[in-house]
Amino acid sequence: MAELIRDLAQTNHPVIVFVHQRLDEANVHSVAGAAVVRGILEHSGKVSAVFQGHSHQNEYQDINGIHYCTMRAVIEGRGAGNNGYSEIACV
Protein backbone atom coordinates (compact mmCIF):
# COMPACT_ATOMS: atom_id res chain seq x y z
CA MET A 1 0.00 0.00 0.00
CA ALA A 2 2.97 2.28 0.50
CA GLU A 3 3.54 2.31 -3.27
CA LEU A 4 -0.05 3.38 -3.89
CA ILE A 5 0.22 6.20 -1.36
CA ARG A 6 3.53 7.32 -2.88
CA ASP A 7 2.27 7.20 -6.47
CA LEU A 8 -0.84 9.20 -5.63
CA ALA A 9 1.21 11.78 -3.74
CA GLN A 10 3.62 12.22 -6.66
CA THR A 11 1.05 13.15 -9.30
CA ASN A 12 -0.72 16.42 -9.88
CA HIS A 13 -3.13 14.86 -12.38
CA PRO A 14 -6.57 13.31 -11.94
CA VAL A 15 -6.34 9.54 -11.48
CA ILE A 16 -8.44 6.65 -12.81
CA VAL A 17 -7.81 3.26 -11.20
CA PHE A 18 -8.23 -0.08 -12.98
CA VAL A 19 -8.39 -3.17 -10.77
CA HIS A 20 -9.46 -6.74 -11.38
CA GLN A 21 -11.32 -7.38 -8.13
CA ARG A 22 -13.85 -5.09 -6.51
CA LEU A 23 -12.97 -2.26 -4.15
CA ASP A 24 -16.54 -1.12 -3.44
CA GLU A 25 -17.52 -4.20 -1.44
CA ALA A 26 -16.03 -6.38 1.26
CA ASN A 27 -16.60 -10.05 0.46
CA VAL A 28 -14.59 -13.08 -0.64
CA HIS A 29 -14.45 -11.79 -4.23
CA SER A 30 -13.23 -8.29 -3.31
CA VAL A 31 -9.71 -6.96 -2.88
CA ALA A 32 -8.41 -7.90 0.57
CA GLY A 33 -8.47 -4.72 2.63
CA ALA A 34 -10.81 -2.98 0.17
CA ALA A 35 -11.91 -0.42 2.78
CA VAL A 36 -8.29 0.52 3.50
CA VAL A 37 -7.56 0.97 -0.22
CA ARG A 38 -10.73 3.07 -0.64
CA GLY A 39 -9.55 5.25 2.25
CA ILE A 40 -6.20 5.81 0.53
CA LEU A 41 -7.92 6.73 -2.74
CA GLU A 42 -10.31 9.10 -0.98
CA HIS A 43 -7.57 10.74 1.11
CA SER A 44 -5.55 11.53 -2.02
CA GLY A 45 -8.36 13.69 -3.41
CA LYS A 46 -7.12 12.78 -6.90
CA VAL A 47 -9.10 9.66 -7.85
CA SER A 48 -12.12 10.26 -10.08
CA ALA A 49 -13.12 6.69 -10.89
CA VAL A 50 -12.36 3.03 -10.32
CA PHE A 51 -13.06 0.47 -13.04
CA GLN A 52 -13.29 -3.02 -11.62
CA GLY A 53 -14.37 -6.49 -12.58
CA HIS A 54 -14.60 -9.99 -11.09
CA SER A 55 -18.36 -9.75 -10.93
CA HIS A 56 -21.26 -11.28 -12.79
CA GLN A 57 -23.24 -8.09 -13.29
CA ASN A 58 -22.65 -4.48 -14.25
CA GLU A 59 -22.93 -2.14 -11.28
CA TYR A 60 -22.25 1.46 -10.37
CA GLN A 61 -21.69 3.14 -7.02
CA ASP A 62 -20.55 6.59 -5.97
CA ILE A 63 -18.68 6.26 -2.69
CA ASN A 64 -17.47 9.54 -1.21
CA GLY A 65 -17.17 11.17 -4.62
CA ILE A 66 -15.37 8.32 -6.40
CA HIS A 67 -17.23 6.52 -9.20
CA TYR A 68 -16.96 2.72 -8.91
CA CYS A 69 -17.88 1.09 -12.25
CA THR A 70 -18.11 -2.69 -12.15
CA MET A 71 -18.02 -4.49 -15.47
CA ARG A 72 -19.70 -7.83 -15.98
CA ALA A 73 -17.37 -10.79 -16.40
CA VAL A 74 -17.06 -11.91 -20.01
CA ILE A 75 -17.41 -15.58 -19.05
CA GLU A 76 -21.22 -15.47 -18.98
CA GLY A 77 -21.67 -16.46 -22.63
CA ARG A 78 -21.97 -15.06 -26.13
CA GLY A 79 -24.14 -12.30 -27.51
CA ALA A 80 -24.98 -8.71 -26.72
CA GLY A 81 -26.72 -9.61 -23.45
CA ASN A 82 -23.49 -11.02 -22.07
CA ASN A 83 -21.08 -8.29 -23.12
CA GLY A 84 -18.91 -6.78 -20.42
CA TYR A 85 -18.22 -3.12 -21.16
CA SER A 86 -18.81 0.37 -19.84
CA GLU A 87 -19.24 3.74 -21.47
CA ILE A 88 -18.22 6.97 -19.80
CA ALA A 89 -18.89 10.55 -20.78
CA CYS A 90 -16.25 13.16 -20.04
CA VAL A 91 -17.74 16.54 -19.34
PDB file of N, CA and C in Angstrom:
ATOM      1  N   MET A   1       0.806  -1.192   0.000  1.00  0.00           N
ATOM      2  CA  MET A   1       0.000   0.000   0.000  1.00  0.00           C
ATOM      3  C   MET A   1       0.856   1.265   0.000  1.00  0.00           C
ATOM      4  N   ALA A   2       2.077   1.118   0.472  1.00  0.00           N
ATOM      5  CA  ALA A   2       2.973   2.276   0.498  1.00  0.00           C
ATOM      6  C   ALA A   2       3.226   2.799  -0.911  1.00  0.00           C
ATOM      7  N   GLU A   3       3.315   1.885  -1.885  1.00  0.00           N
ATOM      8  CA  GLU A   3       3.541   2.306  -3.267  1.00  0.00           C
ATOM      9  C   GLU A   3       2.352   3.103  -3.798  1.00  0.00           C
ATOM     10  N   LEU A   4       1.159   2.674  -3.458  1.00  0.00           N
ATOM     11  CA  LEU A   4      -0.045   3.377  -3.892  1.00  0.00           C
ATOM     12  C   LEU A   4      -0.081   4.784  -3.297  1.00  0.00           C
ATOM     13  N   ILE A   5       0.193   4.891  -2.023  1.00  0.00           N
ATOM     14  CA  ILE A   5       0.220   6.198  -1.361  1.00  0.00           C
ATOM     15  C   ILE A   5       1.268   7.097  -2.012  1.00  0.00           C
ATOM     16  N   ARG A   6       2.448   6.549  -2.261  1.00  0.00           N
ATOM     17  CA  ARG A   6       3.529   7.319  -2.879  1.00  0.00           C
ATOM     18  C   ARG A   6       3.151   7.769  -4.285  1.00  0.00           C
ATOM     19  N   ASP A   7       2.623   6.862  -5.093  1.00  0.00           N
ATOM     20  CA  ASP A   7       2.268   7.200  -6.473  1.00  0.00           C
ATOM     21  C   ASP A   7       1.192   8.283  -6.520  1.00  0.00           C
ATOM     22  N   LEU A   8       0.205   8.183  -5.655  1.00  0.00           N
ATOM     23  CA  LEU A   8      -0.841   9.199  -5.629  1.00  0.00           C
ATOM     24  C   LEU A   8      -0.297  10.546  -5.174  1.00  0.00           C
ATOM     25  N   ALA A   9       0.625  10.529  -4.239  1.00  0.00           N
ATOM     26  CA  ALA A   9       1.213  11.776  -3.740  1.00  0.00           C
ATOM     27  C   ALA A   9       2.086  12.448  -4.794  1.00  0.00           C
ATOM     28  N   GLN A  10       2.674  11.679  -5.682  1.00  0.00           N
ATOM     29  CA  GLN A  10       3.622  12.221  -6.657  1.00  0.00           C
ATOM     30  C   GLN A  10       2.974  12.812  -7.897  1.00  0.00           C
ATOM     31  N   THR A  11       1.680  12.618  -8.083  1.00  0.00           N
ATOM     32  CA  THR A  11       1.052  13.146  -9.297  1.00  0.00           C
ATOM     33  C   THR A  11       0.216  14.381  -8.985  1.00  0.00           C
ATOM     34  N   ASN A  12       0.148  15.252  -9.961  1.00  0.00           N
ATOM     35  CA  ASN A  12      -0.725  16.425  -9.878  1.00  0.00           C
ATOM     36  C   ASN A  12      -1.913  16.284 -10.822  1.00  0.00           C
ATOM     37  N   HIS A  13      -2.082  15.098 -11.391  1.00  0.00           N
ATOM     38  CA  HIS A  13      -3.127  14.855 -12.381  1.00  0.00           C
ATOM     39  C   HIS A  13      -4.285  14.072 -11.763  1.00  0.00           C
ATOM     40  N   PRO A  14      -5.459  14.172 -12.357  1.00  0.00           N
ATOM     41  CA  PRO A  14      -6.571  13.312 -11.940  1.00  0.00           C
ATOM     42  C   PRO A  14      -6.196  11.849 -12.209  1.00  0.00           C
ATOM     43  N   VAL A  15      -6.712  10.952 -11.393  1.00  0.00           N
ATOM     44  CA  VAL A  15      -6.341   9.538 -11.482  1.00  0.00           C
ATOM     45  C   VAL A  15      -7.580   8.683 -11.716  1.00  0.00           C
ATOM     46  N   ILE A  16      -7.446   7.700 -12.607  1.00  0.00           N
ATOM     47  CA  ILE A  16      -8.437   6.648 -12.810  1.00  0.00           C
ATOM     48  C   ILE A  16      -7.740   5.339 -12.475  1.00  0.00           C
ATOM     49  N   VAL A  17      -8.388   4.520 -11.659  1.00  0.00           N
ATOM     50  CA  VAL A  17      -7.810   3.259 -11.198  1.00  0.00           C
ATOM     51  C   VAL A  17      -8.500   2.102 -11.916  1.00  0.00           C
ATOM     52  N   PHE A  18      -7.713   1.144 -12.391  1.00  0.00           N
ATOM     53  CA  PHE A  18      -8.231  -0.084 -12.980  1.00  0.00           C
ATOM     54  C   PHE A  18      -7.776  -1.242 -12.101  1.00  0.00           C
ATOM     55  N   VAL A  19      -8.712  -2.063 -11.669  1.00  0.00           N
ATOM     56  CA  VAL A  19      -8.390  -3.167 -10.767  1.00  0.00           C
ATOM     57  C   VAL A  19      -9.272  -4.362 -11.128  1.00  0.00           C
ATOM     58  N   HIS A  20      -8.708  -5.550 -11.001  1.00  0.00           N
ATOM     59  CA  HIS A  20      -9.463  -6.742 -11.383  1.00  0.00           C
ATOM     60  C   HIS A  20     -10.599  -7.034 -10.409  1.00  0.00           C
ATOM     61  N   GLN A  21     -10.301  -7.083  -9.122  1.00  0.00           N
ATOM     62  CA  GLN A  21     -11.316  -7.384  -8.127  1.00  0.00           C
ATOM     63  C   GLN A  21     -11.929  -6.107  -7.577  1.00  0.00           C
ATOM     64  N   ARG A  22     -13.073  -6.249  -6.943  1.00  0.00           N
ATOM     65  CA  ARG A  22     -13.845  -5.092  -6.506  1.00  0.00           C
ATOM     66  C   ARG A  22     -13.256  -4.405  -5.282  1.00  0.00           C
ATOM     67  N   LEU A  23     -13.361  -3.077  -5.296  1.00  0.00           N
ATOM     68  CA  LEU A  23     -12.972  -2.257  -4.146  1.00  0.00           C
ATOM     69  C   LEU A  23     -14.183  -1.692  -3.412  1.00  0.00           C
ATOM     70  N   ASP A  24     -15.358  -1.746  -4.028  1.00  0.00           N
ATOM     71  CA  ASP A  24     -16.543  -1.119  -3.440  1.00  0.00           C
ATOM     72  C   ASP A  24     -17.326  -2.037  -2.512  1.00  0.00           C
ATOM     73  N   GLU A  25     -16.859  -3.248  -2.321  1.00  0.00           N
ATOM     74  CA  GLU A  25     -17.520  -4.204  -1.442  1.00  0.00           C
ATOM     75  C   GLU A  25     -16.462  -4.895  -0.590  1.00  0.00           C
ATOM     76  N   ALA A  26     -16.929  -5.576   0.429  1.00  0.00           N
ATOM     77  CA  ALA A  26     -16.030  -6.382   1.262  1.00  0.00           C
ATOM     78  C   ALA A  26     -16.610  -7.790   1.342  1.00  0.00           C
ATOM     79  N   ASN A  27     -16.190  -8.641   0.420  1.00  0.00           N
ATOM     80  CA  ASN A  27     -16.597 -10.046   0.457  1.00  0.00           C
ATOM     81  C   ASN A  27     -15.455 -10.894  -0.088  1.00  0.00           C
ATOM     82  N   VAL A  28     -15.675 -12.179  -0.233  1.00  0.00           N
ATOM     83  CA  VAL A  28     -14.591 -13.084  -0.641  1.00  0.00           C
ATOM     84  C   VAL A  28     -14.081 -12.796  -2.051  1.00  0.00           C
ATOM     85  N   HIS A  29     -14.862 -12.091  -2.859  1.00  0.00           N
ATOM     86  CA  HIS A  29     -14.448 -11.790  -4.228  1.00  0.00           C
ATOM     87  C   HIS A  29     -13.860 -10.396  -4.376  1.00  0.00           C
ATOM     88  N   SER A  30     -13.759  -9.660  -3.283  1.00  0.00           N
ATOM     89  CA  SER A  30     -13.233  -8.293  -3.307  1.00  0.00           C
ATOM     90  C   SER A  30     -11.745  -8.290  -2.992  1.00  0.00           C
ATOM     91  N   VAL A  31     -11.114  -7.157  -3.257  1.00  0.00           N
ATOM     92  CA  VAL A  31      -9.714  -6.961  -2.880  1.00  0.00           C
ATOM     93  C   VAL A  31      -9.614  -7.073  -1.367  1.00  0.00           C
ATOM     94  N   ALA A  32      -8.642  -7.823  -0.876  1.00  0.00           N
ATOM     95  CA  ALA A  32      -8.415  -7.901   0.568  1.00  0.00           C
ATOM     96  C   ALA A  32      -8.057  -6.503   1.063  1.00  0.00           C
ATOM     97  N   GLY A  33      -8.723  -6.060   2.115  1.00  0.00           N
ATOM     98  CA  GLY A  33      -8.465  -4.720   2.628  1.00  0.00           C
ATOM     99  C   GLY A  33      -9.066  -3.633   1.770  1.00  0.00           C
ATOM    100  N   ALA A  34     -10.182  -3.936   1.096  1.00  0.00           N
ATOM    101  CA  ALA A  34     -10.805  -2.976   0.174  1.00  0.00           C
ATOM    102  C   ALA A  34     -11.105  -1.644   0.857  1.00  0.00           C
ATOM    103  N   ALA A  35     -11.575  -1.673   2.079  1.00  0.00           N
ATOM    104  CA  ALA A  35     -11.910  -0.421   2.782  1.00  0.00           C
ATOM    105  C   ALA A  35     -10.665   0.433   3.011  1.00  0.00           C
ATOM    106  N   VAL A  36      -9.543  -0.212   3.295  1.00  0.00           N
ATOM    107  CA  VAL A  36      -8.285   0.523   3.498  1.00  0.00           C
ATOM    108  C   VAL A  36      -7.855   1.169   2.187  1.00  0.00           C
ATOM    109  N   VAL A  37      -7.940   0.425   1.096  1.00  0.00           N
ATOM    110  CA  VAL A  37      -7.564   0.967  -0.216  1.00  0.00           C
ATOM    111  C   VAL A  37      -8.481   2.128  -0.583  1.00  0.00           C
ATOM    112  N   ARG A  38      -9.801   1.969  -0.365  1.00  0.00           N
ATOM    113  CA  ARG A  38     -10.732   3.072  -0.642  1.00  0.00           C
ATOM    114  C   ARG A  38     -10.351   4.313   0.161  1.00  0.00           C
ATOM    115  N   GLY A  39      -9.963   4.132   1.417  1.00  0.00           N
ATOM    116  CA  GLY A  39      -9.552   5.254   2.245  1.00  0.00           C
ATOM    117  C   GLY A  39      -8.340   5.977   1.674  1.00  0.00           C
ATOM    118  N   ILE A  40      -7.391   5.220   1.152  1.00  0.00           N
ATOM    119  CA  ILE A  40      -6.198   5.812   0.531  1.00  0.00           C
ATOM    120  C   ILE A  40      -6.595   6.614  -0.699  1.00  0.00           C
ATOM    121  N   LEU A  41      -7.468   6.044  -1.533  1.00  0.00           N
ATOM    122  CA  LEU A  41      -7.918   6.733  -2.745  1.00  0.00           C
ATOM    123  C   LEU A  41      -8.659   8.017  -2.389  1.00  0.00           C
ATOM    124  N   GLU A  42      -9.538   7.936  -1.400  1.00  0.00           N
ATOM    125  CA  GLU A  42     -10.311   9.102  -0.982  1.00  0.00           C
ATOM    126  C   GLU A  42      -9.406  10.184  -0.396  1.00  0.00           C
ATOM    127  N   HIS A  43      -8.470   9.786   0.444  1.00  0.00           N
ATOM    128  CA  HIS A  43      -7.575  10.736   1.108  1.00  0.00           C
ATOM    129  C   HIS A  43      -6.722  11.509   0.100  1.00  0.00           C
ATOM    130  N   SER A  44      -6.380  10.871  -1.011  1.00  0.00           N
ATOM    131  CA  SER A  44      -5.549  11.534  -2.017  1.00  0.00           C
ATOM    132  C   SER A  44      -6.275  12.720  -2.648  1.00  0.00           C
ATOM    133  N   GLY A  45      -7.586  12.636  -2.753  1.00  0.00           N
ATOM    134  CA  GLY A  45      -8.356  13.687  -3.414  1.00  0.00           C
ATOM    135  C   GLY A  45      -8.134  13.752  -4.906  1.00  0.00           C
ATOM    136  N   LYS A  46      -7.483  12.749  -5.481  1.00  0.00           N
ATOM    137  CA  LYS A  46      -7.122  12.776  -6.897  1.00  0.00           C
ATOM    138  C   LYS A  46      -7.850  11.736  -7.743  1.00  0.00           C
ATOM    139  N   VAL A  47      -8.489  10.765  -7.111  1.00  0.00           N
ATOM    140  CA  VAL A  47      -9.096   9.658  -7.847  1.00  0.00           C
ATOM    141  C   VAL A  47     -10.521  10.015  -8.241  1.00  0.00           C
ATOM    142  N   SER A  48     -10.789   9.963  -9.545  1.00  0.00           N
ATOM    143  CA  SER A  48     -12.118  10.261 -10.078  1.00  0.00           C
ATOM    144  C   SER A  48     -12.979   9.013 -10.194  1.00  0.00           C
ATOM    145  N   ALA A  49     -12.346   7.900 -10.624  1.00  0.00           N
ATOM    146  CA  ALA A  49     -13.119   6.695 -10.894  1.00  0.00           C
ATOM    147  C   ALA A  49     -12.267   5.451 -10.704  1.00  0.00           C
ATOM    148  N   VAL A  50     -12.970   4.359 -10.406  1.00  0.00           N
ATOM    149  CA  VAL A  50     -12.357   3.033 -10.317  1.00  0.00           C
ATOM    150  C   VAL A  50     -13.148   2.125 -11.249  1.00  0.00           C
ATOM    151  N   PHE A  51     -12.452   1.469 -12.174  1.00  0.00           N
ATOM    152  CA  PHE A  51     -13.063   0.470 -13.043  1.00  0.00           C
ATOM    153  C   PHE A  51     -12.615  -0.884 -12.542  1.00  0.00           C
ATOM    154  N   GLN A  52     -13.584  -1.735 -12.261  1.00  0.00           N
ATOM    155  CA  GLN A  52     -13.294  -3.016 -11.616  1.00  0.00           C
ATOM    156  C   GLN A  52     -14.107  -4.123 -12.251  1.00  0.00           C
ATOM    157  N   GLY A  53     -13.691  -5.346 -12.011  1.00  0.00           N
ATOM    158  CA  GLY A  53     -14.373  -6.495 -12.585  1.00  0.00           C
ATOM    159  C   GLY A  53     -14.629  -7.564 -11.550  1.00  0.00           C
ATOM    160  N   HIS A  54     -14.447  -8.823 -11.969  1.00  0.00           N
ATOM    161  CA  HIS A  54     -14.599  -9.985 -11.093  1.00  0.00           C
ATOM    162  C   HIS A  54     -16.020 -10.105 -10.557  1.00  0.00           C
ATOM    163  N   SER A  55     -16.971  -9.710 -11.350  1.00  0.00           N
ATOM    164  CA  SER A  55     -18.365  -9.745 -10.928  1.00  0.00           C
ATOM    165  C   SER A  55     -19.190 -10.317 -12.069  1.00  0.00           C
ATOM    166  N   HIS A  56     -20.411 -10.701 -11.763  1.00  0.00           N
ATOM    167  CA  HIS A  56     -21.265 -11.284 -12.788  1.00  0.00           C
ATOM    168  C   HIS A  56     -22.394 -10.347 -13.199  1.00  0.00           C
ATOM    169  N   GLN A  57     -22.255  -9.075 -12.863  1.00  0.00           N
ATOM    170  CA  GLN A  57     -23.241  -8.085 -13.293  1.00  0.00           C
ATOM    171  C   GLN A  57     -22.595  -6.707 -13.330  1.00  0.00           C
ATOM    172  N   ASN A  58     -23.103  -5.870 -14.213  1.00  0.00           N
ATOM    173  CA  ASN A  58     -22.647  -4.485 -14.248  1.00  0.00           C
ATOM    174  C   ASN A  58     -23.243  -3.759 -13.051  1.00  0.00           C
ATOM    175  N   GLU A  59     -22.442  -2.923 -12.414  1.00  0.00           N
ATOM    176  CA  GLU A  59     -22.930  -2.141 -11.279  1.00  0.00           C
ATOM    177  C   GLU A  59     -22.223  -0.804 -11.240  1.00  0.00           C
ATOM    178  N   TYR A  60     -22.845   0.151 -10.550  1.00  0.00           N
ATOM    179  CA  TYR A  60     -22.250   1.464 -10.368  1.00  0.00           C
ATOM    180  C   TYR A  60     -22.532   1.945  -8.955  1.00  0.00           C
ATOM    181  N   GLN A  61     -21.523   2.512  -8.326  1.00  0.00           N
ATOM    182  CA  GLN A  61     -21.692   3.143  -7.024  1.00  0.00           C
ATOM    183  C   GLN A  61     -20.838   4.402  -6.973  1.00  0.00           C
ATOM    184  N   ASP A  62     -21.335   5.402  -6.280  1.00  0.00           N
ATOM    185  CA  ASP A  62     -20.551   6.590  -5.973  1.00  0.00           C
ATOM    186  C   ASP A  62     -20.298   6.521  -4.468  1.00  0.00           C
ATOM    187  N   ILE A  63     -19.046   6.342  -4.104  1.00  0.00           N
ATOM    188  CA  ILE A  63     -18.680   6.262  -2.693  1.00  0.00           C
ATOM    189  C   ILE A  63     -17.754   7.427  -2.396  1.00  0.00           C
ATOM    190  N   ASN A  64     -18.247   8.361  -1.611  1.00  0.00           N
ATOM    191  CA  ASN A  64     -17.471   9.535  -1.206  1.00  0.00           C
ATOM    192  C   ASN A  64     -16.830  10.262  -2.386  1.00  0.00           C
ATOM    193  N   GLY A  65     -17.617  10.397  -3.467  1.00  0.00           N
ATOM    194  CA  GLY A  65     -17.172  11.172  -4.617  1.00  0.00           C
ATOM    195  C   GLY A  65     -16.337  10.419  -5.633  1.00  0.00           C
ATOM    196  N   ILE A  66     -16.099   9.143  -5.420  1.00  0.00           N
ATOM    197  CA  ILE A  66     -15.369   8.323  -6.398  1.00  0.00           C
ATOM    198  C   ILE A  66     -16.368   7.395  -7.078  1.00  0.00           C
ATOM    199  N   HIS A  67     -16.332   7.360  -8.417  1.00  0.00           N
ATOM    200  CA  HIS A  67     -17.226   6.519  -9.196  1.00  0.00           C
ATOM    201  C   HIS A  67     -16.633   5.111  -9.287  1.00  0.00           C
ATOM    202  N   TYR A  68     -17.385   4.122  -8.840  1.00  0.00           N
ATOM    203  CA  TYR A  68     -16.965   2.722  -8.915  1.00  0.00           C
ATOM    204  C   TYR A  68     -17.817   2.040  -9.974  1.00  0.00           C
ATOM    205  N   CYS A  69     -17.200   1.707 -11.113  1.00  0.00           N
ATOM    206  CA  CYS A  69     -17.877   1.092 -12.249  1.00  0.00           C
ATOM    207  C   CYS A  69     -17.448  -0.366 -12.331  1.00  0.00           C
ATOM    208  N   THR A  70     -18.394  -1.257 -12.105  1.00  0.00           N
ATOM    209  CA  THR A  70     -18.112  -2.690 -12.153  1.00  0.00           C
ATOM    210  C   THR A  70     -18.579  -3.228 -13.486  1.00  0.00           C
ATOM    211  N   MET A  71     -17.694  -3.939 -14.170  1.00  0.00           N
ATOM    212  CA  MET A  71     -18.024  -4.488 -15.471  1.00  0.00           C
ATOM    213  C   MET A  71     -18.234  -5.993 -15.376  1.00  0.00           C
ATOM    214  N   ARG A  72     -19.301  -6.427 -15.976  1.00  0.00           N
ATOM    215  CA  ARG A  72     -19.698  -7.834 -15.980  1.00  0.00           C
ATOM    216  C   ARG A  72     -18.569  -8.709 -16.535  1.00  0.00           C
ATOM    217  N   ALA A  73     -18.367  -9.838 -15.925  1.00  0.00           N
ATOM    218  CA  ALA A  73     -17.372 -10.793 -16.403  1.00  0.00           C
ATOM    219  C   ALA A  73     -17.758 -11.288 -17.793  1.00  0.00           C
ATOM    220  N   VAL A  74     -16.773 -11.473 -18.647  1.00  0.00           N
ATOM    221  CA  VAL A  74     -17.057 -11.906 -20.013  1.00  0.00           C
ATOM    222  C   VAL A  74     -17.224 -13.416 -20.125  1.00  0.00           C
ATOM    223  N   ILE A  75     -17.278 -14.128 -19.017  1.00  0.00           N
ATOM    224  CA  ILE A  75     -17.409 -15.582 -19.050  1.00  0.00           C
ATOM    225  C   ILE A  75     -18.860 -16.043 -19.073  1.00  0.00           C
ATOM    226  N   GLU A  76     -19.806 -15.111 -19.099  1.00  0.00           N
ATOM    227  CA  GLU A  76     -21.219 -15.467 -18.984  1.00  0.00           C
ATOM    228  C   GLU A  76     -21.786 -16.097 -20.251  1.00  0.00           C
ATOM    229  N   GLY A  77     -21.155 -15.888 -21.392  1.00  0.00           N
ATOM    230  CA  GLY A  77     -21.666 -16.461 -22.631  1.00  0.00           C
ATOM    231  C   GLY A  77     -21.530 -15.493 -23.780  1.00  0.00           C
ATOM    232  N   ARG A  78     -22.065 -15.871 -24.918  1.00  0.00           N
ATOM    233  CA  ARG A  78     -21.969 -15.056 -26.128  1.00  0.00           C
ATOM    234  C   ARG A  78     -23.176 -14.145 -26.273  1.00  0.00           C
ATOM    235  N   GLY A  79     -23.023 -13.169 -27.160  1.00  0.00           N
ATOM    236  CA  GLY A  79     -24.137 -12.305 -27.513  1.00  0.00           C
ATOM    237  C   GLY A  79     -24.141 -10.994 -26.761  1.00  0.00           C
ATOM    238  N   ALA A  80     -24.946 -10.064 -27.274  1.00  0.00           N
ATOM    239  CA  ALA A  80     -24.981  -8.710 -26.721  1.00  0.00           C
ATOM    240  C   ALA A  80     -25.393  -8.687 -25.256  1.00  0.00           C
ATOM    241  N   GLY A  81     -26.263  -9.579 -24.840  1.00  0.00           N
ATOM    242  CA  GLY A  81     -26.722  -9.609 -23.448  1.00  0.00           C
ATOM    243  C   GLY A  81     -25.654 -10.018 -22.462  1.00  0.00           C
ATOM    244  N   ASN A  82     -24.557 -10.563 -22.953  1.00  0.00           N
ATOM    245  CA  ASN A  82     -23.487 -11.021 -22.071  1.00  0.00           C
ATOM    246  C   ASN A  82     -22.207 -10.213 -22.212  1.00  0.00           C
ATOM    247  N   ASN A  83     -22.267  -9.125 -22.970  1.00  0.00           N
ATOM    248  CA  ASN A  83     -21.077  -8.288 -23.119  1.00  0.00           C
ATOM    249  C   ASN A  83     -20.699  -7.637 -21.805  1.00  0.00           C
ATOM    250  N   GLY A  84     -19.403  -7.484 -21.588  1.00  0.00           N
ATOM    251  CA  GLY A  84     -18.911  -6.776 -20.424  1.00  0.00           C
ATOM    252  C   GLY A  84     -18.189  -5.521 -20.860  1.00  0.00           C
ATOM    253  N   TYR A  85     -18.850  -4.364 -20.773  1.00  0.00           N
ATOM    254  CA  TYR A  85     -18.225  -3.115 -21.163  1.00  0.00           C
ATOM    255  C   TYR A  85     -18.896  -1.971 -20.423  1.00  0.00           C
ATOM    256  N   SER A  86     -18.255  -0.842 -20.422  1.00  0.00           N
ATOM    257  CA  SER A  86     -18.815   0.371 -19.841  1.00  0.00           C
ATOM    258  C   SER A  86     -18.565   1.527 -20.784  1.00  0.00           C
ATOM    259  N   GLU A  87     -19.422   2.510 -20.727  1.00  0.00           N
ATOM    260  CA  GLU A  87     -19.236   3.745 -21.470  1.00  0.00           C
ATOM    261  C   GLU A  87     -19.199   4.871 -20.452  1.00  0.00           C
ATOM    262  N   ILE A  88     -18.276   5.810 -20.666  1.00  0.00           N
ATOM    263  CA  ILE A  88     -18.217   6.966 -19.795  1.00  0.00           C
ATOM    264  C   ILE A  88     -18.268   8.216 -20.642  1.00  0.00           C
ATOM    265  N   ALA A  89     -18.839   9.251 -20.101  1.00  0.00           N
ATOM    266  CA  ALA A  89     -18.889  10.548 -20.781  1.00  0.00           C
ATOM    267  C   ALA A  89     -18.028  11.527 -20.002  1.00  0.00           C
ATOM    268  N   CYS A  90     -17.110  12.150 -20.673  1.00  0.00           N
ATOM    269  CA  CYS A  90     -16.254  13.164 -20.039  1.00  0.00           C
ATOM    270  C   CYS A  90     -16.875  14.519 -20.278  1.00  0.00           C
ATOM    271  N   VAL A  91     -17.146  15.210 -19.213  1.00  0.00           N
ATOM    272  CA  VAL A  91     -17.741  16.541 -19.339  1.00  0.00           C
ATOM    273  C   VAL A  91     -16.854  17.584 -18.707  1.00  0.00           C
TER     274      VAL A  91
END
